[in-house]
N, C-alpha and C. Protein backbone atom coordinates (compact mmCIF):
# COMPACT_ATOMS: atom_id res chain seq x y z
N MET A 1 -7.85 -28.74 -7.28
CA MET A 1 -9.04 -29.42 -6.81
C MET A 1 -8.87 -30.93 -7.03
N ILE A 2 -9.31 -31.69 -6.07
CA ILE A 2 -9.24 -33.15 -6.16
C ILE A 2 -10.58 -33.71 -6.63
N GLU A 3 -10.55 -34.47 -7.71
CA GLU A 3 -11.73 -35.17 -8.21
C GLU A 3 -11.59 -36.64 -7.88
N LYS A 4 -12.68 -37.25 -7.46
CA LYS A 4 -12.69 -38.69 -7.19
C LYS A 4 -13.91 -39.31 -7.86
N TYR A 5 -13.71 -40.48 -8.43
CA TYR A 5 -14.83 -41.24 -8.95
C TYR A 5 -14.51 -42.72 -8.84
N GLU A 6 -15.56 -43.52 -8.85
CA GLU A 6 -15.40 -44.97 -8.74
C GLU A 6 -15.74 -45.65 -10.05
N VAL A 7 -15.05 -46.75 -10.30
CA VAL A 7 -15.28 -47.57 -11.47
C VAL A 7 -15.53 -49.00 -10.98
N GLU A 8 -16.57 -49.61 -11.49
CA GLU A 8 -16.90 -50.99 -11.12
C GLU A 8 -16.72 -51.88 -12.34
N VAL A 9 -15.94 -52.95 -12.18
CA VAL A 9 -15.66 -53.87 -13.27
C VAL A 9 -16.07 -55.27 -12.84
N ILE A 10 -16.81 -55.96 -13.69
CA ILE A 10 -17.15 -57.36 -13.44
C ILE A 10 -16.23 -58.20 -14.32
N LEU A 11 -15.58 -59.14 -13.70
CA LEU A 11 -14.53 -59.90 -14.36
C LEU A 11 -14.75 -61.39 -14.16
N ASP A 12 -14.64 -62.16 -15.25
CA ASP A 12 -14.67 -63.62 -15.18
C ASP A 12 -13.22 -64.11 -15.19
N VAL A 13 -12.85 -64.90 -14.19
CA VAL A 13 -11.50 -65.45 -14.12
C VAL A 13 -11.58 -66.94 -13.82
N TYR A 14 -10.56 -67.65 -14.26
CA TYR A 14 -10.50 -69.07 -13.95
C TYR A 14 -10.04 -69.27 -12.52
N ARG A 15 -10.61 -70.26 -11.89
CA ARG A 15 -10.22 -70.58 -10.52
C ARG A 15 -8.78 -71.08 -10.51
N GLY A 16 -8.14 -70.91 -9.39
CA GLY A 16 -6.78 -71.43 -9.29
C GLY A 16 -5.81 -70.38 -8.85
N ASP A 17 -4.99 -69.92 -9.78
CA ASP A 17 -3.86 -69.07 -9.48
C ASP A 17 -4.28 -67.67 -9.05
N GLN A 18 -4.04 -67.34 -7.78
CA GLN A 18 -4.35 -66.01 -7.25
C GLN A 18 -3.47 -64.95 -7.91
N GLU A 19 -2.28 -65.34 -8.33
CA GLU A 19 -1.37 -64.39 -8.97
C GLU A 19 -1.96 -63.84 -10.27
N ASP A 20 -2.71 -64.65 -11.00
CA ASP A 20 -3.35 -64.18 -12.23
C ASP A 20 -4.31 -63.03 -11.94
N LEU A 21 -5.13 -63.18 -10.90
CA LEU A 21 -6.07 -62.13 -10.53
C LEU A 21 -5.32 -60.87 -10.12
N GLU A 22 -4.26 -61.02 -9.35
CA GLU A 22 -3.47 -59.87 -8.92
C GLU A 22 -2.88 -59.13 -10.11
N ASN A 23 -2.37 -59.85 -11.10
CA ASN A 23 -1.82 -59.23 -12.30
C ASN A 23 -2.89 -58.49 -13.09
N ILE A 24 -4.07 -59.08 -13.18
CA ILE A 24 -5.18 -58.44 -13.88
C ILE A 24 -5.57 -57.14 -13.18
N VAL A 25 -5.61 -57.15 -11.87
CA VAL A 25 -5.96 -55.95 -11.11
C VAL A 25 -4.93 -54.85 -11.33
N VAL A 26 -3.65 -55.20 -11.35
CA VAL A 26 -2.60 -54.21 -11.62
C VAL A 26 -2.81 -53.57 -13.00
N GLU A 27 -3.12 -54.38 -13.99
CA GLU A 27 -3.37 -53.85 -15.33
C GLU A 27 -4.63 -52.99 -15.38
N MET A 28 -5.68 -53.41 -14.69
CA MET A 28 -6.91 -52.63 -14.66
C MET A 28 -6.67 -51.26 -14.03
N LYS A 29 -5.86 -51.22 -12.98
CA LYS A 29 -5.53 -49.94 -12.36
C LYS A 29 -4.81 -49.04 -13.35
N ALA A 30 -3.88 -49.59 -14.10
CA ALA A 30 -3.13 -48.80 -15.08
C ALA A 30 -4.05 -48.27 -16.17
N TYR A 31 -4.97 -49.09 -16.65
CA TYR A 31 -5.86 -48.68 -17.73
C TYR A 31 -6.82 -47.57 -17.30
N GLN A 32 -7.12 -47.44 -16.02
CA GLN A 32 -8.04 -46.41 -15.55
C GLN A 32 -7.41 -45.02 -15.53
N LYS A 33 -6.09 -44.96 -15.57
CA LYS A 33 -5.40 -43.67 -15.51
C LYS A 33 -5.51 -42.94 -16.85
N GLU A 34 -5.78 -41.65 -16.78
CA GLU A 34 -5.77 -40.81 -17.97
C GLU A 34 -4.57 -39.87 -17.95
N TYR A 35 -4.14 -39.50 -16.75
CA TYR A 35 -3.02 -38.59 -16.59
C TYR A 35 -1.95 -39.24 -15.71
N GLU A 36 -0.74 -38.78 -15.88
CA GLU A 36 0.42 -39.34 -15.19
C GLU A 36 0.26 -39.37 -13.67
N ASN A 37 -0.35 -38.35 -13.10
CA ASN A 37 -0.44 -38.26 -11.64
C ASN A 37 -1.75 -38.79 -11.06
N ASP A 38 -2.57 -39.42 -11.87
CA ASP A 38 -3.79 -40.05 -11.35
C ASP A 38 -3.41 -41.15 -10.36
N LEU A 39 -4.18 -41.26 -9.31
CA LEU A 39 -3.98 -42.30 -8.31
C LEU A 39 -5.18 -43.24 -8.35
N VAL A 40 -4.93 -44.52 -8.59
CA VAL A 40 -6.01 -45.51 -8.67
C VAL A 40 -5.84 -46.49 -7.53
N THR A 41 -6.91 -46.66 -6.76
CA THR A 41 -6.89 -47.52 -5.58
C THR A 41 -7.98 -48.58 -5.69
N VAL A 42 -7.66 -49.79 -5.27
CA VAL A 42 -8.67 -50.86 -5.22
C VAL A 42 -9.45 -50.69 -3.92
N LEU A 43 -10.74 -50.46 -4.04
CA LEU A 43 -11.58 -50.33 -2.86
C LEU A 43 -12.10 -51.68 -2.38
N GLU A 44 -12.43 -52.55 -3.35
CA GLU A 44 -13.03 -53.83 -2.96
C GLU A 44 -12.94 -54.83 -4.11
N ILE A 45 -12.73 -56.07 -3.74
CA ILE A 45 -12.84 -57.19 -4.68
C ILE A 45 -13.79 -58.20 -4.05
N LYS A 46 -14.91 -58.43 -4.72
CA LYS A 46 -15.90 -59.38 -4.21
C LYS A 46 -16.07 -60.50 -5.21
N GLU A 47 -16.10 -61.71 -4.70
CA GLU A 47 -16.38 -62.85 -5.57
C GLU A 47 -17.88 -63.11 -5.56
N LEU A 48 -18.44 -63.25 -6.75
CA LEU A 48 -19.87 -63.52 -6.90
C LEU A 48 -20.09 -65.02 -7.02
N PRO A 49 -21.18 -65.50 -6.49
CA PRO A 49 -21.47 -66.94 -6.65
C PRO A 49 -21.94 -67.23 -8.08
N ILE A 50 -21.25 -68.17 -8.72
CA ILE A 50 -21.69 -68.65 -10.04
C ILE A 50 -21.65 -70.17 -10.02
N ILE A 51 -22.34 -70.77 -10.96
CA ILE A 51 -22.50 -72.22 -10.97
C ILE A 51 -21.30 -72.93 -11.57
N GLN A 52 -20.61 -72.33 -12.53
CA GLN A 52 -19.50 -73.00 -13.20
C GLN A 52 -18.38 -73.27 -12.20
N THR A 53 -17.84 -74.47 -12.25
CA THR A 53 -16.82 -74.86 -11.28
C THR A 53 -15.42 -74.42 -11.66
N ASP A 54 -15.17 -74.16 -12.94
CA ASP A 54 -13.82 -73.79 -13.37
C ASP A 54 -13.59 -72.28 -13.42
N LYS A 55 -14.65 -71.51 -13.25
CA LYS A 55 -14.54 -70.05 -13.30
C LYS A 55 -15.11 -69.42 -12.05
N ARG A 56 -14.70 -68.20 -11.83
CA ARG A 56 -15.32 -67.40 -10.79
C ARG A 56 -15.53 -66.01 -11.34
N GLN A 57 -16.48 -65.32 -10.79
CA GLN A 57 -16.79 -63.97 -11.24
C GLN A 57 -16.56 -63.02 -10.08
N CYS A 58 -15.84 -61.93 -10.37
CA CYS A 58 -15.50 -60.96 -9.34
C CYS A 58 -15.98 -59.59 -9.75
N ILE A 59 -16.36 -58.80 -8.76
CA ILE A 59 -16.61 -57.38 -8.96
C ILE A 59 -15.43 -56.66 -8.33
N ILE A 60 -14.80 -55.81 -9.11
CA ILE A 60 -13.66 -55.06 -8.63
C ILE A 60 -14.06 -53.58 -8.67
N ILE A 61 -13.96 -52.92 -7.52
CA ILE A 61 -14.31 -51.51 -7.42
C ILE A 61 -13.02 -50.72 -7.24
N LEU A 62 -12.80 -49.80 -8.18
CA LEU A 62 -11.60 -48.97 -8.17
C LEU A 62 -12.01 -47.52 -7.92
N GLN A 63 -11.14 -46.80 -7.24
CA GLN A 63 -11.35 -45.36 -7.07
C GLN A 63 -10.22 -44.62 -7.78
N VAL A 64 -10.60 -43.67 -8.62
CA VAL A 64 -9.63 -42.84 -9.32
C VAL A 64 -9.64 -41.47 -8.67
N GLU A 65 -8.46 -41.02 -8.29
CA GLU A 65 -8.32 -39.71 -7.66
C GLU A 65 -7.43 -38.86 -8.56
N ARG A 66 -7.91 -37.66 -8.90
CA ARG A 66 -7.18 -36.79 -9.82
C ARG A 66 -7.08 -35.38 -9.23
N ASP A 67 -5.85 -34.89 -9.15
CA ASP A 67 -5.60 -33.52 -8.73
C ASP A 67 -5.61 -32.67 -10.00
N THR A 68 -6.67 -31.91 -10.22
CA THR A 68 -6.79 -31.14 -11.46
C THR A 68 -5.78 -30.01 -11.55
N ASN A 69 -5.12 -29.67 -10.46
CA ASN A 69 -4.08 -28.65 -10.48
C ASN A 69 -2.70 -29.24 -10.76
N ASN A 70 -2.60 -30.57 -10.76
CA ASN A 70 -1.32 -31.25 -10.98
C ASN A 70 -1.57 -32.55 -11.74
N LEU A 71 -1.99 -32.43 -12.99
CA LEU A 71 -2.37 -33.60 -13.78
C LEU A 71 -1.18 -34.43 -14.26
N GLY A 72 -0.09 -33.78 -14.60
CA GLY A 72 1.02 -34.48 -15.24
C GLY A 72 0.70 -34.66 -16.71
N ARG A 73 1.49 -35.48 -17.38
CA ARG A 73 1.29 -35.72 -18.81
C ARG A 73 0.07 -36.60 -19.04
N ILE A 74 -0.57 -36.39 -20.18
CA ILE A 74 -1.71 -37.23 -20.54
C ILE A 74 -1.20 -38.49 -21.23
N TYR A 75 -1.81 -39.62 -20.90
CA TYR A 75 -1.48 -40.87 -21.58
C TYR A 75 -2.17 -40.87 -22.94
N GLU A 76 -1.39 -41.12 -23.98
CA GLU A 76 -1.94 -41.12 -25.33
C GLU A 76 -2.10 -42.52 -25.90
N SER A 77 -1.64 -43.53 -25.16
CA SER A 77 -1.79 -44.91 -25.64
C SER A 77 -1.87 -45.86 -24.45
N GLU A 78 -2.37 -47.05 -24.71
CA GLU A 78 -2.44 -48.08 -23.67
C GLU A 78 -1.04 -48.51 -23.24
N GLU A 79 -0.10 -48.50 -24.17
CA GLU A 79 1.28 -48.88 -23.85
C GLU A 79 1.90 -47.92 -22.84
N GLU A 80 1.62 -46.62 -23.00
CA GLU A 80 2.12 -45.65 -22.03
C GLU A 80 1.53 -45.90 -20.65
N LYS A 81 0.27 -46.28 -20.60
CA LYS A 81 -0.36 -46.57 -19.32
C LYS A 81 0.31 -47.75 -18.62
N LEU A 82 0.65 -48.78 -19.39
CA LEU A 82 1.23 -49.98 -18.81
C LEU A 82 2.72 -49.85 -18.54
N PHE A 83 3.45 -49.22 -19.46
CA PHE A 83 4.91 -49.25 -19.39
C PHE A 83 5.54 -47.89 -19.08
N GLY A 84 4.72 -46.85 -19.01
CA GLY A 84 5.25 -45.53 -18.72
C GLY A 84 5.61 -44.78 -20.00
N PHE A 85 6.05 -43.55 -19.81
CA PHE A 85 6.40 -42.69 -20.93
C PHE A 85 7.79 -43.02 -21.43
N ASP A 86 7.99 -42.81 -22.72
CA ASP A 86 9.31 -42.96 -23.33
C ASP A 86 10.19 -41.84 -22.77
N GLU A 87 11.38 -42.16 -22.31
CA GLU A 87 12.27 -41.19 -21.69
C GLU A 87 12.70 -40.08 -22.63
N GLU A 88 12.55 -40.26 -23.93
CA GLU A 88 12.91 -39.22 -24.89
C GLU A 88 11.92 -38.08 -24.91
N GLU A 89 10.74 -38.29 -24.33
CA GLU A 89 9.70 -37.24 -24.36
C GLU A 89 9.99 -36.17 -23.35
């Protein structure tokens, strides 16, 4: 069975480098995974109007899709989510 749910994150970022936002989104996708075969997709990134000139605020909407019949290994740490499983396991 396929389960899907959405996660909404509000993020404050400094204006300027688009690459910083892209890196943050990649990390956010990794952190949302609980199992090895979870699929996390960015549905939307919206910039909110704020008054501060050096920062911007974004809403990032992620969708997590999980096949409960094919979960894969469970992530037991944040490091595993970011860097993958140790090959010795």
